[in-house]
Structures are given as structure tokens and as C-alpha cells.
Amino acid sequence: MRLAGTPVELDAYPATSLTHRSFAAMDLGRLDVVFLPPSLRPLSDEAPRERHTFVEDDNRGAIAPDPIATIDGREYFLSVKGIGSAVDPYSTRPLDRPTAFGLTDDPDLRERLARPPPDPDPRMITGELWLRGSPYGGQGLEHATTALRISERADLTSIHGFRIAPVVKVCFLPPALEARVRQIFWYRQYPGRIVQELRLVPSNVRIYFHARTTVGTSVQYVFDRFGIDRSAAAVAFETNLVRSSVALLTLFARTLVHDPVRDRYAGLDFHDVWLDKDAVIAPDGEVHFVDLEGIEEVALDAADVREKIEDQVYRSLYEFVFAYEQIEQERVRRFGGPADRRGHFERILTEALRDDPFVRLRRDGPHLAMEVRNRCANENLYLAFRMLDR
């Protein structure tokens, strides 16, 4: 499959990098680069090595349109986070070199920014401190290393059934270029290293936000793009969506470990990242979480574990059901189907969780509950979450 989207031309410059330990033995020297917009070329002391065509993704990302790896039979595409933003953060005007010119008093930098651009490109990385840990348009080392650390906990793309888009490399901007970029800021200057994340993603289709093509806005296109041409294919897509989404909803329980010394329980939780904008859907329906910088381990007393598990389910439940509902409506519109909405969802949920070691379905009269177990196999911390009423 070749990805469609708005083309983005990026220059490749040599860079030092940190590499995911599971990929360290592979020949990935060609990825020791940073991919930068042509607007930054005058700020560099060296010419770019080559130019690549990507497609736009999110505010500060791009994806190569052709796959570069196959893992467990699924194609993955190179995603770069931190290529610069095209929009001024404090207005609706483009973020281009004239804008950047007005944000610095450094005479050398202003002279560089005033040079004729190699081609028009309203996109810049800046030194403005953004989201507590990143420069606006770029990526910060602290966030990137968090994403790398979470990636290294996975069996390449899975953490106990929770699918991720792994960070393969964290690449550093060349120091001289980084120093100049840091001088372009509005109010607060980002103090840390500026980097890019190189990730493997299965598509560029998100649930609702941060993409031109989403399940919420273009579900007809998603069916066409992924070749969902019959009802059985749509049901299989729904089943994979539900299976992988439930794994996301129960990540804390799936990663729960007990510290007997402190008598506390630790597991992975989400901070400032969400299913509707920070995950993509593979062509088979499996949800992969992409923006891993917002996943961190939290430690709790036993008395607080069940509440955390329930809160995590509720946190993304709406986005999950929203995505499922868009796909199911499109399936019925195209291929027809029974009008029993809840009955169909129960059948999909039953099939999706058939082999899940951490979630079991349990009927309680007219209610269908998910019994959320945990990696510690501590039955006192199991949670029954009512998922469906009949």
C-alpha cells in the first residue's frame, strides 16, 4: 500500500542518534539523519545529503508514503516527528521565514533568514518552549526518550496486546543549527536538546483529530483505502479494532507489577495523549498508539488500583465507541445488516476478547461486564466493568 496525503518535501542531514535496542543489530545507518524543511537550509552550515518526499501528518510530523519494514506480516511506514510546523502558534498566519525573522534579534540569524529561500515552504522549527517539554514545531529530547523507553518495553509493536508504533531512532539536530533555531521564539526559550523521533506506523489514518483522513470525517474513504469490500471484511476490521482498543483501555492492568518492598503497584498510564488523536488504525483495523511520549509508569497503593483501572477504561471509552460506531454505520450502509445494534456489538466483543488473557466477559442478568484481570494475577484487584446492557 502507498499512503496518500499532502506532499511535504524534506531535506536529509547527517545526525547522531539513539537507537531502539531491539533494532540496534540491524543496518539502520541510513536513518542517522534529521529531515528538515527547506526553509531551514540557510540556518545550516552544511548542504543536505538528499531530499525526500513525505506526506503531511499531524502539526509537526510527516510519513514516507512507501513502507520500509514488515513486522508479523504487516507493513510499516517511516514517520518523523519534529519536522516543523506550518502554522503560527499564536495566530492563523503561516509560520514561515518572514515570521521567524521578526522573532530574533541575532544579526547573523536575521541575515540567514533574509536569504532567498530555495523554494516556498511555510514551515519552521522554533525555540519556543511548548507543552512543557518540547520546542514548538520540533521535538524535545525528554519527550523523545520517554517514547523510546516505552517502545523498548514492547515486543516490537505490542505491550501485552497494546499495540504501539515503535520509535526506532531519536536523532539530534546538528548543534550549530539547533543553536540558531533556539533563538527563534516568542516568549519562552526551550532549553533542552532538539531532536526528531523516527517511528514505524501502519498507516496515517487517525480516529478524529490531527490528520486529513480520519475515521470520524472520512470513513467512506477509509473503507475504500483499506479495501473493505464486503461485510465479512468489515466485521473482521471491527473485531480487530475492538480487540486492540480494549487492550488500550486496560493498559494499566496489563502492565501491573507489585513492589513487595514498598507494597505498591505500578503500571503504565496516559498523560496528555488520547485515542482520538494520538493513535492510528492499521489496514486490518488494529489500533496502534503513536505518540508514546505521554505514556508513563505510575505507582499506587493497593487501595487505589481498581479505581485507576476503571478511570483508564472511562478515559478512552467514548473515543473507542465513537470509532466503532462510525465503522459499523458504514458497514450497514454499504452491505446491509441486522438492526440489532447491541446484539451485533456483543458478538464482536465476544470474538475480539476470546483469547485475551487479561479481559473476560461475564454476564450478570441483562448486563454484560468485562472482568479486567491483571498481570499480577491478583484476584483482589480484578475489576468488573459494565460494558453493555440488554
Protein backbone atom coordinates (compact mmCIF):
# COMPACT_ATOMS: atom_id res chain seq x y z
CA MET A 1 0.00 0.00 0.00
CA ARG A 2 1.15 3.53 -0.78
CA LEU A 3 -0.01 6.29 1.56
CA ALA A 4 -1.91 9.25 0.18
CA GLY A 5 -1.71 12.78 1.53
CA THR A 6 -0.41 16.30 1.06
CA PRO A 7 3.23 16.08 -0.14
CA VAL A 8 5.96 17.51 2.09
CA GLU A 9 9.50 17.92 0.73
CA LEU A 10 12.21 17.47 3.38
CA ASP A 11 16.00 17.73 3.28
CA ALA A 12 18.04 14.98 4.97
CA TYR A 13 21.10 15.94 7.05
CA PRO A 14 23.52 13.57 8.84
CA ALA A 15 22.82 13.24 12.56
CA THR A 16 23.85 11.38 15.67
CA SER A 17 21.19 9.17 17.17
CA LEU A 18 19.91 6.90 19.92
CA THR A 19 18.67 3.53 18.63
CA HIS A 20 15.97 1.21 19.97
CA ARG A 21 17.90 -1.72 21.43
CA SER A 22 15.83 -4.31 19.53
CA PHE A 23 16.87 -2.66 16.25
CA ALA A 24 20.49 -1.98 17.21
CA ALA A 25 21.86 -5.04 15.41
CA MET A 26 20.22 -4.03 12.14
CA ASP A 27 21.87 -1.91 9.48
CA LEU A 28 20.00 1.36 10.07
CA GLY A 29 22.77 3.80 9.22
CA ARG A 30 20.61 5.34 6.52
CA LEU A 31 18.30 6.54 9.32
CA ASP A 32 21.00 8.50 11.13
CA VAL A 33 19.54 11.68 9.69
CA VAL A 34 17.22 14.53 10.50
CA PHE A 35 14.58 15.51 7.97
CA LEU A 36 14.18 19.29 7.80
CA PRO A 37 12.07 21.68 5.72
CA PRO A 38 13.92 23.69 3.03
CA SER A 39 13.16 26.86 4.99
CA LEU A 40 15.88 25.86 7.47
CA ARG A 41 18.56 25.33 4.84
CA PRO A 42 20.13 28.81 5.30
CA LEU A 43 20.49 28.07 9.03
CA SER A 44 22.69 25.03 8.38
CA ASP A 45 26.45 25.11 7.86
CA GLU A 46 26.31 22.10 5.54
CA ALA A 47 24.33 21.16 2.48
CA PRO A 48 21.65 18.50 2.82
CA ARG A 49 22.59 14.97 1.84
CA GLU A 50 19.45 14.41 -0.22
CA ARG A 51 15.79 15.32 -0.46
CA HIS A 52 12.80 13.09 0.28
CA THR A 53 9.08 13.37 -0.40
CA PHE A 54 6.83 12.61 2.56
CA VAL A 55 3.12 13.16 3.19
CA GLU A 56 1.91 15.52 5.86
CA ASP A 57 0.92 14.08 9.24
CA ASP A 58 -0.26 15.98 12.31
CA ASN A 59 1.02 19.50 13.02
CA ARG A 60 4.73 18.65 13.15
CA GLY A 61 5.04 15.27 11.50
CA ALA A 62 5.41 13.54 8.15
CA ILE A 63 5.23 9.96 6.88
CA ALA A 64 7.10 8.37 3.98
CA PRO A 65 4.46 7.14 1.51
CA ASP A 66 6.06 3.74 0.87
CA PRO A 67 6.61 1.03 3.50
CA ILE A 68 10.13 0.44 4.83
CA ALA A 69 9.58 -2.61 7.08
CA THR A 70 7.35 -5.65 7.52
CA ILE A 71 6.70 -6.95 11.05
CA ASP A 72 4.50 -10.00 11.62
CA GLY A 73 3.21 -9.70 8.07
CA ARG A 74 2.16 -6.05 8.43
CA GLU A 75 3.76 -3.20 6.50
CA TYR A 76 5.09 -0.21 8.41
CA PHE A 77 5.98 3.27 7.19
CA LEU A 78 8.62 5.70 8.43
CA SER A 79 7.10 8.51 10.49
CA VAL A 80 9.13 11.56 11.52
CA LYS A 81 8.01 13.69 14.46
CA GLY A 82 9.51 17.17 14.76
CA ILE A 83 9.83 18.43 11.16
CA GLY A 84 8.48 21.90 11.92
CA SER A 85 5.04 23.45 11.95
CA ALA A 86 3.39 25.38 9.12
CA VAL A 87 1.12 27.45 11.39
CA ASP A 88 1.99 30.25 13.82
CA PRO A 89 1.03 29.02 17.32
CA TYR A 90 -0.48 32.35 18.32
CA SER A 91 -2.33 33.28 15.12
CA THR A 92 -3.70 31.78 11.92
CA ARG A 93 -0.92 33.05 9.68
CA PRO A 94 1.74 30.76 8.17
CA LEU A 95 4.87 30.04 10.19
CA ASP A 96 7.47 30.98 7.59
CA ARG A 97 10.85 32.69 7.43
CA PRO A 98 9.44 36.26 7.45
CA THR A 99 7.64 35.37 10.68
CA ALA A 100 10.83 33.86 12.11
CA PHE A 101 12.80 36.97 11.06
CA GLY A 102 10.67 39.04 13.41
CA LEU A 103 11.28 36.73 16.36
CA THR A 104 15.04 37.11 16.74
CA ASP A 105 17.45 39.98 17.36
CA ASP A 106 20.54 37.97 16.35
CA PRO A 107 22.05 39.79 13.30
CA ASP A 108 23.65 36.67 11.79
CA LEU A 109 20.42 34.73 12.13
CA ARG A 110 18.38 37.55 10.63
CA GLU A 111 20.78 37.72 7.68
CA ARG A 112 20.39 33.97 7.12
CA LEU A 113 16.61 34.17 7.34
CA ALA A 114 16.58 37.02 4.82
CA ARG A 115 18.28 34.97 2.11
CA PRO A 116 16.06 33.88 -0.78
CA PRO A 117 14.52 30.50 0.03
CA PRO A 118 15.30 27.50 -2.22
CA ASP A 119 11.56 27.12 -2.63
CA PRO A 120 8.48 28.48 -0.83
CA ASP A 121 7.84 26.47 2.31
CA PRO A 122 5.85 27.86 5.24
CA ARG A 123 7.23 25.51 7.88
CA MET A 124 9.67 26.13 10.73
CA ILE A 125 11.12 24.57 13.85
CA THR A 126 11.35 27.18 16.59
CA GLY A 127 12.90 27.58 20.02
CA GLU A 128 9.59 28.44 21.70
CA LEU A 129 9.00 26.31 24.81
CA TRP A 130 5.84 24.32 24.11
CA LEU A 131 3.85 21.70 26.02
CA ARG A 132 6.32 21.76 28.93
CA GLY A 133 8.91 19.60 27.21
CA SER A 134 9.23 20.40 23.51
CA PRO A 135 10.03 23.31 21.19
CA TYR A 136 7.16 24.45 19.00
CA GLY A 137 7.37 22.61 15.68
CA GLY A 138 10.09 20.27 16.92
CA GLN A 139 10.54 17.52 19.48
CA GLY A 140 12.37 17.65 22.80
CA LEU A 141 14.84 15.04 23.99
CA GLU A 142 12.94 14.39 27.24
CA HIS A 143 9.73 13.53 25.43
CA ALA A 144 11.54 11.53 22.76
CA THR A 145 13.46 9.41 25.28
CA THR A 146 10.20 8.68 27.10
CA ALA A 147 8.75 7.41 23.81
CA LEU A 148 11.90 5.37 23.16
CA ARG A 149 11.78 3.87 26.64
CA ILE A 150 8.14 2.82 26.20
CA SER A 151 8.99 1.38 22.77
CA GLU A 152 11.72 -0.76 24.30
CA ARG A 153 9.21 -2.32 26.71
CA ALA A 154 7.33 -3.78 23.75
CA ASP A 155 7.71 -6.98 21.81
CA LEU A 156 8.47 -4.72 18.82
CA THR A 157 4.89 -3.49 18.37
CA SER A 158 2.98 -4.98 21.32
CA ILE A 159 2.97 -4.48 25.08
CA HIS A 160 0.82 -7.40 26.26
CA GLY A 161 -1.64 -6.78 23.42
CA PHE A 162 -1.45 -2.97 23.48
CA ARG A 163 -0.24 -2.05 20.00
CA ILE A 164 2.31 0.73 19.54
CA ALA A 165 4.14 2.48 16.72
CA PRO A 166 7.71 1.94 17.97
CA VAL A 167 10.34 4.66 17.99
CA VAL A 168 13.30 3.21 16.09
CA LYS A 169 15.65 6.16 16.47
CA VAL A 170 15.93 9.51 18.22
CA CYS A 171 18.05 11.79 16.01
CA PHE A 172 19.68 15.03 17.18
CA LEU A 173 19.65 18.27 15.23
CA PRO A 174 23.22 19.37 14.35
CA PRO A 175 24.46 21.60 17.24
CA ALA A 176 25.03 24.77 15.18
CA LEU A 177 21.63 24.51 13.54
CA GLU A 178 20.00 23.75 16.89
CA ALA A 179 21.60 26.85 18.46
CA ARG A 180 20.18 29.07 15.70
CA VAL A 181 16.74 27.50 15.86
CA ARG A 182 16.69 28.08 19.62
CA GLN A 183 16.96 31.85 19.01
CA ILE A 184 13.60 31.89 17.19
CA PHE A 185 10.99 32.23 19.90
CA TRP A 186 8.06 34.37 21.04
CA TYR A 187 8.12 34.38 24.86
CA ARG A 188 9.93 31.44 26.48
CA GLN A 189 13.00 29.71 25.16
CA TYR A 190 13.23 25.94 25.10
CA PRO A 191 16.43 24.94 26.96
CA GLY A 192 16.89 21.27 26.03
CA ARG A 193 18.18 19.28 23.07
CA ILE A 194 16.05 19.40 19.93
CA VAL A 195 15.54 16.03 18.25
CA GLN A 196 13.32 14.05 15.92
CA GLU A 197 11.58 10.75 16.53
CA LEU A 198 11.76 8.19 13.72
CA ARG A 199 8.85 5.79 14.19
CA LEU A 200 7.20 2.88 12.41
CA VAL A 201 3.48 3.37 11.76
CA PRO A 202 1.00 1.11 9.91
CA SER A 203 -0.95 3.97 8.29
CA ASN A 204 -1.73 7.68 8.53
CA VAL A 205 -5.41 7.24 9.43
CA ARG A 206 -6.38 8.57 12.87
CA ILE A 207 -9.67 8.40 14.75
CA TYR A 208 -10.77 12.02 14.54
CA PHE A 209 -8.08 14.69 15.03
CA HIS A 210 -4.58 15.53 13.74
CA ALA A 211 -4.95 14.05 10.26
CA ARG A 212 -6.66 14.93 7.00
CA THR A 213 -8.06 11.40 6.79
CA THR A 214 -9.82 10.11 9.91
CA VAL A 215 -12.46 7.56 10.76
CA GLY A 216 -14.65 10.36 12.07
CA THR A 217 -14.51 12.59 9.00
CA SER A 218 -13.77 10.23 6.08
CA VAL A 219 -14.97 6.74 6.97
CA GLN A 220 -16.06 6.10 3.36
CA TYR A 221 -12.51 6.84 2.20
CA VAL A 222 -11.12 4.56 4.93
CA PHE A 223 -13.23 1.64 3.63
CA ASP A 224 -12.09 2.30 0.07
CA ARG A 225 -8.44 2.82 1.00
CA PHE A 226 -8.24 -0.34 3.11
CA GLY A 227 -10.15 -2.46 0.59
CA ILE A 228 -13.08 -3.27 2.87
CA ASP A 229 -15.32 -4.55 0.09
CA ARG A 230 -17.71 -6.96 1.81
CA SER A 231 -19.50 -7.33 5.12
CA ALA A 232 -17.22 -10.11 6.38
CA ALA A 233 -14.17 -7.89 5.84
CA ALA A 234 -15.86 -5.07 7.76
CA VAL A 235 -16.70 -7.43 10.63
CA ALA A 236 -13.09 -8.60 10.77
CA PHE A 237 -11.96 -4.95 10.76
CA GLU A 238 -14.37 -4.18 13.63
CA THR A 239 -13.16 -7.19 15.60
CA ASN A 240 -9.52 -6.10 15.34
CA LEU A 241 -10.47 -2.53 16.25
CA VAL A 242 -12.32 -3.72 19.37
CA ARG A 243 -9.58 -6.15 20.42
CA SER A 244 -6.81 -3.57 20.19
CA SER A 245 -8.91 -0.77 21.69
CA VAL A 246 -9.83 -2.82 24.75
CA ALA A 247 -6.11 -3.51 25.22
CA LEU A 248 -5.56 0.26 25.20
CA LEU A 249 -8.39 0.79 27.70
CA THR A 250 -6.82 -1.74 30.08
CA LEU A 251 -3.11 -0.91 29.72
CA PHE A 252 -2.57 -0.27 33.43
CA ALA A 253 -3.90 -3.70 34.38
CA ARG A 254 -1.90 -5.41 31.62
CA THR A 255 1.36 -3.92 32.84
CA LEU A 256 0.67 -4.11 36.58
CA VAL A 257 3.63 -5.22 38.73
CA HIS A 258 3.92 -5.43 42.51
CA ASP A 259 6.79 -3.98 44.52
CA PRO A 260 6.83 -6.12 47.69
CA VAL A 261 9.30 -3.83 49.46
CA ARG A 262 7.07 -0.76 49.27
CA ASP A 263 3.88 -2.81 48.85
CA ARG A 264 2.85 -0.69 45.86
CA TYR A 265 1.61 -1.49 42.39
CA ALA A 266 2.95 0.10 39.21
CA GLY A 267 1.62 0.14 35.65
CA LEU A 268 1.50 2.28 32.53
CA ASP A 269 -0.88 5.23 32.29
CA PHE A 270 -1.67 8.00 29.79
CA HIS A 271 -0.88 11.70 30.29
CA ASP A 272 -1.98 14.40 27.81
CA VAL A 273 -2.42 11.86 25.00
CA TRP A 274 -5.70 10.47 23.68
CA LEU A 275 -7.08 7.73 21.48
CA ASP A 276 -8.87 10.11 19.10
CA LYS A 277 -5.72 12.00 18.03
CA ASP A 278 -2.66 10.04 19.16
CA ALA A 279 -3.33 6.65 17.57
CA VAL A 280 -3.60 5.34 14.01
CA ILE A 281 -5.53 2.42 12.55
CA ALA A 282 -3.81 -0.27 10.53
CA PRO A 283 -5.45 -1.59 7.34
CA ASP A 284 -6.70 -4.64 9.28
CA GLY A 285 -8.34 -2.44 11.97
CA GLU A 286 -5.77 -2.76 14.75
CA VAL A 287 -5.24 0.48 16.65
CA HIS A 288 -1.60 1.45 17.19
CA PHE A 289 -0.76 4.16 19.70
CA VAL A 290 1.71 6.58 18.11
CA ASP A 291 2.52 9.44 20.48
CA LEU A 292 4.23 7.47 23.21
CA GLU A 293 5.74 10.50 24.96
CA GLY A 294 2.59 10.73 27.10
CA ILE A 295 2.77 7.18 28.49
CA GLU A 296 4.48 6.81 31.86
CA GLU A 297 4.57 4.37 34.73
CA VAL A 298 2.61 5.31 37.85
CA ALA A 299 2.81 3.62 41.28
CA LEU A 300 -0.18 3.30 43.60
CA ASP A 301 -1.22 1.72 46.85
CA ALA A 302 -3.38 -1.39 46.52
CA ALA A 303 -6.44 0.55 47.64
CA ASP A 304 -6.18 2.82 44.59
CA VAL A 305 -5.52 0.21 41.87
CA ARG A 306 -9.11 -0.67 40.98
CA GLU A 307 -10.05 3.00 40.73
CA LYS A 308 -7.14 3.62 38.37
CA ILE A 309 -8.16 0.67 36.18
CA GLU A 310 -11.73 1.96 35.99
CA ASP A 311 -10.62 5.53 35.30
CA GLN A 312 -8.39 4.35 32.46
CA VAL A 313 -11.27 2.48 30.83
CA TYR A 314 -13.52 5.51 31.06
CA ARG A 315 -10.76 7.82 29.78
CA SER A 316 -10.86 6.43 26.22
CA LEU A 317 -14.20 4.62 26.19
CA TYR A 318 -16.04 7.33 24.28
CA GLU A 319 -13.39 7.61 21.55
CA PHE A 320 -13.39 3.82 21.19
CA VAL A 321 -17.17 3.54 20.84
CA PHE A 322 -17.22 6.55 18.52
CA ALA A 323 -14.74 4.88 16.16
CA TYR A 324 -16.61 1.57 16.31
CA GLU A 325 -19.94 3.29 15.61
CA GLN A 326 -18.62 5.11 12.52
CA ILE A 327 -17.31 1.85 11.08
CA GLU A 328 -20.45 -0.11 11.91
CA GLN A 329 -22.70 2.55 10.36
CA GLU A 330 -20.64 2.44 7.18
CA ARG A 331 -20.74 -1.37 7.14
CA VAL A 332 -24.54 -1.36 7.36
CA ARG A 333 -24.83 1.44 4.78
CA ARG A 334 -22.72 -0.48 2.26
CA PHE A 335 -23.60 -4.10 2.88
CA GLY A 336 -26.76 -4.10 4.99
CA GLY A 337 -27.11 -5.97 8.24
CA PRO A 338 -29.31 -6.64 11.26
CA ALA A 339 -30.82 -3.71 13.13
CA ASP A 340 -29.83 -5.23 16.49
CA ARG A 341 -27.04 -2.76 17.38
CA ARG A 342 -26.34 -4.14 20.86
CA GLY A 343 -26.54 -7.75 19.75
CA HIS A 344 -24.01 -7.17 16.97
CA PHE A 345 -21.66 -5.33 19.34
CA GLU A 346 -21.88 -8.19 21.83
CA ARG A 347 -20.93 -10.69 19.14
CA ILE A 348 -17.97 -8.55 18.04
CA LEU A 349 -16.85 -8.03 21.65
CA THR A 350 -17.11 -11.75 22.40
CA GLU A 351 -15.00 -12.70 19.39
CA ALA A 352 -12.47 -9.92 19.99
CA LEU A 353 -11.81 -10.95 23.60
CA ARG A 354 -11.95 -14.71 23.10
CA ASP A 355 -8.20 -15.17 23.67
CA ASP A 356 -7.43 -12.07 25.73
CA PRO A 357 -5.59 -13.19 28.89
CA PHE A 358 -6.50 -10.01 30.78
CA VAL A 359 -10.18 -9.44 29.95
CA ARG A 360 -13.05 -11.90 30.27
CA LEU A 361 -16.71 -11.27 29.53
CA ARG A 362 -19.19 -12.12 32.24
CA ARG A 363 -22.98 -11.93 32.05
CA ASP A 364 -24.90 -10.61 35.03
CA GLY A 365 -28.59 -10.76 34.18
CA PRO A 366 -29.21 -8.19 31.42
CA HIS A 367 -25.72 -6.76 31.81
CA LEU A 368 -22.50 -7.79 30.09
CA ALA A 369 -19.38 -6.93 32.06
CA MET A 370 -15.70 -7.00 31.25
CA GLU A 371 -13.79 -8.65 34.06
CA VAL A 372 -10.46 -6.84 33.88
CA ARG A 373 -7.76 -9.05 35.34
CA ASN A 374 -4.13 -8.05 35.77
CA ARG A 375 -0.59 -9.12 35.12
CA CYS A 376 -0.05 -9.86 38.83
CA ALA A 377 -2.94 -12.37 38.75
CA ASN A 378 -4.19 -10.76 41.96
CA GLU A 379 -7.91 -11.57 42.09
CA ASN A 380 -8.49 -8.97 44.79
CA LEU A 381 -7.65 -6.30 42.20
CA TYR A 382 -9.90 -7.60 39.42
CA LEU A 383 -12.48 -5.10 38.17
CA ALA A 384 -15.92 -5.79 36.70
CA PHE A 385 -16.76 -3.03 34.21
CA ARG A 386 -20.31 -2.95 32.83
CA MET A 387 -19.89 -2.77 29.07
CA LEU A 388 -23.36 -3.45 27.67
CA ASP A 389 -26.98 -3.56 28.85
CA ARG A 390 -29.56 -5.70 27.05
